[in-house]
Structures are given as C-alpha cells and as structure tokens.
C-alpha cells in the first residue's frame, strides 16, 4: 500500500489565501451596497410618483455597512499578521494572545 500523499502547501499559506479572499469579497460587497439603488413606483388614481431609494435611506443597511467596514478592518489586520508570520517565521503576538484576537475578532 502506498503512503498517503504529503501536503506541499503550508497551512499558513492556505490561511493567507483565505484571508485575502475574505478581503476581496468584503470589498465587493461594500461596492455593491454603496452603489445599489432601487426605484419605487407608486400610482394614486391619476398621479404617478417615482422615487429612487439609496442604501442611506434604509436604517438596516447602515448597520450592514458598519459591519462590512469592521470586517474590512479585521481582515486587513489579520492579513498583515499572516504576512508577518510568513516573512519572519514567527508570530507577532506571542502566547495565547493571537488565539484570543482570532476568537474575539471572529465574534
């Protein structure tokens, strides 16, 4: 029986790629949210009213925008820490601090 194949890609590299993917997807969602508009059409008997709605007009979307910005900040921080780990071979935050940052940042 042949031995199992060994992985040549480091888990650190995989983590970095996933963090960059998260950053790109957050940026894409920010662009979609900020540029999205809807047209509301109402007609009353003989009057026809048309109104454009932007994401600022809906309070819930403001919270979504705030969570996207917090996710972007967290993603940039995590990407920088991963790049430091790859470049120097050691973590910037020693001990359990890095795990606590990851745990609370993901919350």
Protein backbone atom coordinates (compact mmCIF):
# COMPACT_ATOMS: atom_id res chain seq x y z
CA UNK A 1 0.00 0.00 0.00
CA UNK A 2 1.34 3.42 -0.95
CA UNK A 3 1.93 6.03 1.75
CA UNK A 4 -0.53 8.92 1.89
CA UNK A 5 0.47 11.94 -0.19
CA UNK A 6 2.24 14.69 1.68
CA UNK A 7 0.95 18.21 1.52
CA UNK A 8 3.36 20.66 -0.08
CA UNK A 9 1.24 23.72 0.66
CA UNK A 10 1.73 25.11 4.13
CA UNK A 11 -1.38 25.75 6.26
CA UNK A 12 -0.08 29.29 6.79
CA UNK A 13 -0.24 29.94 3.03
CA UNK A 14 -3.75 28.49 2.83
CA UNK A 15 -4.84 30.74 5.70
CA UNK A 16 -3.33 33.77 3.98
CA UNK A 17 -5.12 32.97 0.71
CA UNK A 18 -8.44 32.60 2.54
CA UNK A 19 -7.92 35.91 4.38
CA UNK A 20 -7.18 37.68 1.10
CA UNK A 21 -10.29 36.08 -0.41
CA UNK A 22 -12.32 37.36 2.55
CA UNK A 23 -10.89 40.85 1.99
CA UNK A 24 -11.79 40.80 -1.71
CA UNK A 25 -15.34 39.58 -1.02
CA UNK A 26 -15.86 42.24 1.65
CA UNK A 27 -14.68 44.92 -0.77
CA UNK A 28 -17.05 43.59 -3.43
CA UNK A 29 -19.98 43.64 -1.00
CA UNK A 30 -19.09 47.21 0.02
CA UNK A 31 -19.13 48.32 -3.61
CA UNK A 32 -22.44 46.56 -4.29
CA UNK A 33 -24.07 48.04 -1.19
CA UNK A 34 -22.80 51.57 -1.78
CA UNK A 35 -23.82 51.70 -5.44
CA UNK A 36 -27.16 49.92 -5.19
CA UNK A 37 -30.31 51.93 -5.78
CA UNK A 38 -33.92 50.92 -6.18
CA UNK A 39 -36.81 52.68 -7.84
CA UNK A 40 -40.10 52.79 -6.03
CA UNK A 41 -43.12 53.44 -8.24
CA UNK A 42 -46.48 54.38 -6.78
CA UNK A 43 -49.64 55.38 -8.56
CA UNK A 44 -52.63 57.09 -6.99
CA UNK A 45 -55.60 57.29 -9.32
CA UNK A 46 -54.24 59.89 -11.75
CA UNK A 47 -50.93 60.68 -10.05
CA UNK A 48 -47.81 58.65 -10.71
CA UNK A 49 -44.88 59.02 -8.27
CA UNK A 50 -41.46 57.53 -8.81
CA UNK A 51 -38.74 57.70 -6.16
CA UNK A 52 -35.15 56.43 -6.03
CA UNK A 53 -34.02 54.76 -2.81
CA UNK A 54 -30.33 54.63 -1.86
CA UNK A 55 -28.84 52.49 0.90
CA UNK A 56 -28.68 55.57 3.19
CA UNK A 57 -32.46 55.69 3.22
CA UNK A 58 -32.82 52.32 4.96
CA UNK A 59 -31.53 52.17 8.54
CA UNK A 60 -30.78 48.45 8.40
CA UNK A 61 -28.36 48.94 5.53
CA UNK A 62 -26.37 51.39 7.64
CA UNK A 63 -25.74 48.58 10.11
CA UNK A 64 -24.75 46.29 7.27
CA UNK A 65 -22.31 48.95 6.04
CA UNK A 66 -20.84 49.27 9.55
CA UNK A 67 -20.35 45.50 9.81
CA UNK A 68 -18.68 45.41 6.39
CA UNK A 69 -16.26 48.16 7.47
CA UNK A 70 -15.47 46.34 10.73
CA UNK A 71 -14.89 43.16 8.73
CA UNK A 72 -12.54 45.01 6.39
CA UNK A 73 -10.51 46.38 9.30
CA UNK A 74 -10.32 42.94 10.90
CA UNK A 75 -9.39 41.33 7.58
CA UNK A 76 -6.59 43.82 6.91
CA UNK A 77 -5.23 43.28 10.43
CA UNK A 78 -5.31 39.51 10.08
CA UNK A 79 -3.70 39.64 6.62
CA UNK A 80 -0.88 41.83 7.94
CA UNK A 81 -0.30 39.46 10.86
CA UNK A 82 -0.24 36.48 8.48
CA UNK A 83 2.24 38.21 6.17
CA UNK A 84 4.46 38.98 9.16
CA UNK A 85 4.26 35.34 10.22
CA UNK A 86 5.25 34.14 6.75
CA UNK A 87 8.08 36.68 6.36
CA UNK A 88 9.70 36.19 9.77
CA UNK A 89 8.69 32.65 10.61
CA UNK A 90 7.23 33.65 13.98
CA UNK A 91 4.04 35.23 15.24
CA UNK A 92 3.90 38.90 16.16
CA UNK A 93 1.58 38.21 19.11
CA UNK A 94 3.10 35.53 21.33
CA UNK A 95 1.33 33.12 23.63
CA UNK A 96 -2.43 32.86 23.76
CA UNK A 97 -2.89 36.48 22.66
CA UNK A 98 -3.09 35.59 18.96
CA UNK A 99 -5.76 32.98 19.61
CA UNK A 100 -7.76 35.44 21.70
CA UNK A 101 -7.55 38.07 18.94
CA UNK A 102 -8.78 35.48 16.42
CA UNK A 103 -11.54 34.27 18.74
CA UNK A 104 -12.93 37.69 19.67
CA UNK A 105 -12.37 39.12 16.20
CA UNK A 106 -14.47 36.36 14.67
CA UNK A 107 -17.30 37.16 17.06
